[in-house]
Amino acid sequence: MSNKEKYNQAFMETLEVSENELAGLTYTGIPAWDSVGHMALMAAVEDAFDIMMETDDIIDFSSYEKGMEILSKKYDVEF
């Protein structure tokens, strides 16, 4: 499974969205991505890539695209 597939899977399973809903998805943009959903998503992303994200990165993780940017720049995850 590619990193992009792992990333997408974390979103789809945690927030119960389909793959075609991911582009442009933002924090609080859907009811499932509230504060509780955000923490569940962060845990799923950390598990998928076997990383431990810094608090500032968890706070800055405000959209589907921003998450990929953070993971690429700070955690060496290639998409």
N, C-alpha and C. Protein backbone atom coordinates (compact mmCIF):
# COMPACT_ATOMS: atom_id res chain seq x y z
N MET A 1 0.85 -1.19 0.00
CA MET A 1 0.00 0.00 0.00
C MET A 1 0.89 1.25 0.00
N SER A 2 0.61 2.17 -0.89
CA SER A 2 1.41 3.40 -0.98
C SER A 2 1.10 4.32 0.21
N ASN A 3 1.98 5.30 0.42
CA ASN A 3 1.75 6.26 1.50
C ASN A 3 0.47 7.05 1.28
N LYS A 4 0.19 7.39 0.03
CA LYS A 4 -1.05 8.12 -0.28
C LYS A 4 -2.27 7.27 0.07
N GLU A 5 -2.20 5.98 -0.24
CA GLU A 5 -3.31 5.07 0.10
C GLU A 5 -3.48 4.94 1.61
N LYS A 6 -2.37 4.85 2.34
CA LYS A 6 -2.43 4.78 3.81
C LYS A 6 -3.06 6.05 4.38
N TYR A 7 -2.63 7.18 3.85
CA TYR A 7 -3.15 8.49 4.30
C TYR A 7 -4.65 8.58 4.03
N ASN A 8 -5.03 8.27 2.80
CA ASN A 8 -6.45 8.30 2.44
C ASN A 8 -7.26 7.36 3.31
N GLN A 9 -6.74 6.17 3.56
CA GLN A 9 -7.44 5.18 4.37
C GLN A 9 -7.69 5.71 5.79
N ALA A 10 -6.71 6.40 6.36
CA ALA A 10 -6.87 6.97 7.70
C ALA A 10 -8.05 7.95 7.71
N PHE A 11 -8.13 8.79 6.71
CA PHE A 11 -9.24 9.75 6.60
C PHE A 11 -10.57 9.04 6.40
N MET A 12 -10.59 8.10 5.45
CA MET A 12 -11.85 7.44 5.10
C MET A 12 -12.42 6.63 6.26
N GLU A 13 -11.56 5.92 6.97
CA GLU A 13 -12.03 5.11 8.09
C GLU A 13 -12.41 5.96 9.30
N THR A 14 -11.60 6.95 9.61
CA THR A 14 -11.84 7.76 10.81
C THR A 14 -13.03 8.70 10.64
N LEU A 15 -13.09 9.37 9.49
CA LEU A 15 -14.12 10.39 9.29
C LEU A 15 -15.31 9.88 8.48
N GLU A 16 -15.24 8.61 8.06
CA GLU A 16 -16.32 7.99 7.29
C GLU A 16 -16.70 8.81 6.06
N VAL A 17 -15.68 9.11 5.26
CA VAL A 17 -15.89 9.82 3.99
C VAL A 17 -15.37 8.94 2.87
N SER A 18 -15.79 9.23 1.66
CA SER A 18 -15.31 8.47 0.50
C SER A 18 -14.07 9.17 -0.06
N GLU A 19 -13.33 8.44 -0.88
CA GLU A 19 -12.09 8.98 -1.43
C GLU A 19 -12.32 10.23 -2.27
N ASN A 20 -13.45 10.30 -2.95
CA ASN A 20 -13.70 11.48 -3.79
C ASN A 20 -14.09 12.72 -2.97
N GLU A 21 -14.26 12.58 -1.66
CA GLU A 21 -14.56 13.71 -0.78
C GLU A 21 -13.31 14.29 -0.11
N LEU A 22 -12.16 13.67 -0.31
CA LEU A 22 -10.95 14.06 0.43
C LEU A 22 -10.35 15.39 -0.01
N ALA A 23 -10.27 15.62 -1.31
CA ALA A 23 -9.67 16.86 -1.81
C ALA A 23 -10.44 18.06 -1.27
N GLY A 24 -9.72 18.98 -0.65
CA GLY A 24 -10.35 20.19 -0.13
C GLY A 24 -11.02 20.03 1.23
N LEU A 25 -10.94 18.83 1.81
CA LEU A 25 -11.57 18.59 3.11
C LEU A 25 -10.84 19.38 4.19
N THR A 26 -11.59 20.08 5.04
CA THR A 26 -10.98 20.89 6.09
C THR A 26 -11.55 20.55 7.46
N TYR A 27 -10.76 20.87 8.48
CA TYR A 27 -11.17 20.70 9.87
C TYR A 27 -12.46 21.48 10.09
N THR A 28 -13.44 20.87 10.68
CA THR A 28 -14.79 21.37 10.92
C THR A 28 -15.59 21.56 9.64
N GLY A 29 -15.03 21.12 8.50
CA GLY A 29 -15.75 21.21 7.24
C GLY A 29 -16.88 20.20 7.12
N ILE A 30 -16.77 19.14 7.93
CA ILE A 30 -17.83 18.13 8.02
C ILE A 30 -18.05 17.84 9.50
N PRO A 31 -19.24 17.40 9.88
CA PRO A 31 -19.51 17.14 11.30
C PRO A 31 -18.55 16.13 11.95
N ALA A 32 -18.12 15.13 11.21
CA ALA A 32 -17.24 14.10 11.79
C ALA A 32 -15.86 14.64 12.14
N TRP A 33 -15.43 15.72 11.48
CA TRP A 33 -14.10 16.27 11.76
C TRP A 33 -14.21 17.41 12.75
N ASP A 34 -14.65 17.07 13.94
CA ASP A 34 -14.69 18.01 15.06
C ASP A 34 -13.46 17.75 15.91
N SER A 35 -13.42 18.27 17.12
CA SER A 35 -12.22 18.11 17.94
C SER A 35 -11.95 16.65 18.30
N VAL A 36 -13.00 15.89 18.56
CA VAL A 36 -12.83 14.47 18.88
C VAL A 36 -12.41 13.70 17.63
N GLY A 37 -13.04 14.00 16.52
CA GLY A 37 -12.67 13.37 15.25
C GLY A 37 -11.25 13.70 14.86
N HIS A 38 -10.82 14.92 15.17
CA HIS A 38 -9.45 15.34 14.85
C HIS A 38 -8.44 14.48 15.59
N MET A 39 -8.67 14.25 16.87
CA MET A 39 -7.73 13.45 17.65
C MET A 39 -7.72 11.99 17.18
N ALA A 40 -8.88 11.48 16.80
CA ALA A 40 -8.95 10.11 16.27
C ALA A 40 -8.19 10.04 14.94
N LEU A 41 -8.35 11.07 14.11
CA LEU A 41 -7.63 11.11 12.84
C LEU A 41 -6.13 11.19 13.06
N MET A 42 -5.70 12.01 14.00
CA MET A 42 -4.26 12.13 14.28
C MET A 42 -3.70 10.78 14.74
N ALA A 43 -4.44 10.08 15.58
CA ALA A 43 -3.99 8.76 16.05
C ALA A 43 -3.89 7.79 14.87
N ALA A 44 -4.87 7.84 13.95
CA ALA A 44 -4.86 6.95 12.79
C ALA A 44 -3.68 7.27 11.87
N VAL A 45 -3.38 8.55 11.68
CA VAL A 45 -2.26 8.96 10.83
C VAL A 45 -0.94 8.52 11.48
N GLU A 46 -0.82 8.75 12.78
CA GLU A 46 0.39 8.33 13.49
C GLU A 46 0.60 6.82 13.38
N ASP A 47 -0.47 6.07 13.55
CA ASP A 47 -0.37 4.61 13.43
C ASP A 47 -0.01 4.19 12.01
N ALA A 48 -0.61 4.81 11.03
CA ALA A 48 -0.37 4.44 9.63
C ALA A 48 1.10 4.62 9.24
N PHE A 49 1.74 5.67 9.78
CA PHE A 49 3.11 5.97 9.39
C PHE A 49 4.13 5.70 10.50
N ASP A 50 3.67 5.14 11.61
CA ASP A 50 4.54 4.80 12.74
C ASP A 50 5.38 6.01 13.17
N ILE A 51 4.66 7.10 13.41
CA ILE A 51 5.30 8.35 13.84
C ILE A 51 4.59 8.88 15.09
N MET A 52 5.21 9.86 15.72
CA MET A 52 4.61 10.57 16.84
C MET A 52 4.68 12.05 16.47
N MET A 53 3.54 12.64 16.18
CA MET A 53 3.52 14.03 15.73
C MET A 53 3.66 15.00 16.90
N GLU A 54 4.30 16.13 16.64
CA GLU A 54 4.44 17.17 17.64
C GLU A 54 3.10 17.89 17.80
N THR A 55 2.87 18.44 18.97
CA THR A 55 1.61 19.13 19.27
C THR A 55 1.31 20.24 18.26
N ASP A 56 2.32 21.04 17.92
CA ASP A 56 2.11 22.13 16.96
C ASP A 56 1.65 21.60 15.61
N ASP A 57 2.17 20.45 15.20
CA ASP A 57 1.77 19.87 13.91
C ASP A 57 0.34 19.35 13.97
N ILE A 58 -0.06 18.82 15.09
CA ILE A 58 -1.44 18.35 15.26
C ILE A 58 -2.40 19.53 15.18
N ILE A 59 -2.02 20.63 15.78
CA ILE A 59 -2.86 21.84 15.74
C ILE A 59 -2.91 22.41 14.33
N ASP A 60 -1.77 22.41 13.63
CA ASP A 60 -1.70 22.97 12.28
C ASP A 60 -2.34 22.09 11.21
N PHE A 61 -2.63 20.85 11.54
CA PHE A 61 -3.19 19.87 10.60
C PHE A 61 -4.66 20.23 10.35
N SER A 62 -4.86 21.22 9.49
CA SER A 62 -6.19 21.81 9.34
C SER A 62 -6.94 21.40 8.08
N SER A 63 -6.29 20.64 7.21
CA SER A 63 -6.96 20.18 6.00
C SER A 63 -6.26 18.93 5.48
N TYR A 64 -6.92 18.27 4.56
CA TYR A 64 -6.35 17.09 3.90
C TYR A 64 -5.01 17.45 3.27
N GLU A 65 -4.96 18.54 2.53
CA GLU A 65 -3.74 18.95 1.86
C GLU A 65 -2.66 19.41 2.83
N LYS A 66 -3.04 20.16 3.87
CA LYS A 66 -2.07 20.63 4.86
C LYS A 66 -1.43 19.45 5.59
N GLY A 67 -2.20 18.42 5.83
CA GLY A 67 -1.67 17.23 6.47
C GLY A 67 -0.56 16.58 5.65
N MET A 68 -0.78 16.49 4.34
CA MET A 68 0.27 15.93 3.47
C MET A 68 1.52 16.80 3.49
N GLU A 69 1.33 18.10 3.51
CA GLU A 69 2.46 19.03 3.57
C GLU A 69 3.26 18.82 4.85
N ILE A 70 2.57 18.74 5.99
CA ILE A 70 3.24 18.54 7.28
C ILE A 70 3.99 17.21 7.30
N LEU A 71 3.33 16.15 6.85
CA LEU A 71 3.96 14.83 6.87
C LEU A 71 5.17 14.78 5.94
N SER A 72 5.09 15.45 4.80
CA SER A 72 6.21 15.46 3.85
C SER A 72 7.40 16.23 4.39
N LYS A 73 7.15 17.42 4.91
CA LYS A 73 8.23 18.31 5.34
C LYS A 73 8.87 17.89 6.65
N LYS A 74 8.07 17.41 7.60
CA LYS A 74 8.61 17.19 8.95
C LYS A 74 8.80 15.72 9.33
N TYR A 75 8.12 14.82 8.61
CA TYR A 75 8.19 13.40 9.01
C TYR A 75 8.67 12.50 7.89
N ASP A 76 9.21 13.09 6.83
CA ASP A 76 9.80 12.34 5.71
C ASP A 76 8.85 11.32 5.08
N VAL A 77 7.58 11.65 5.02
CA VAL A 77 6.61 10.78 4.34
C VAL A 77 6.49 11.29 2.91
N GLU A 78 6.77 10.44 1.95
CA GLU A 78 6.70 10.82 0.54
C GLU A 78 5.37 10.41 -0.06
N PHE A 79 4.73 11.35 -0.76
CA PHE A 79 3.46 11.05 -1.41
C PHE A 79 3.62 11.03 -2.92
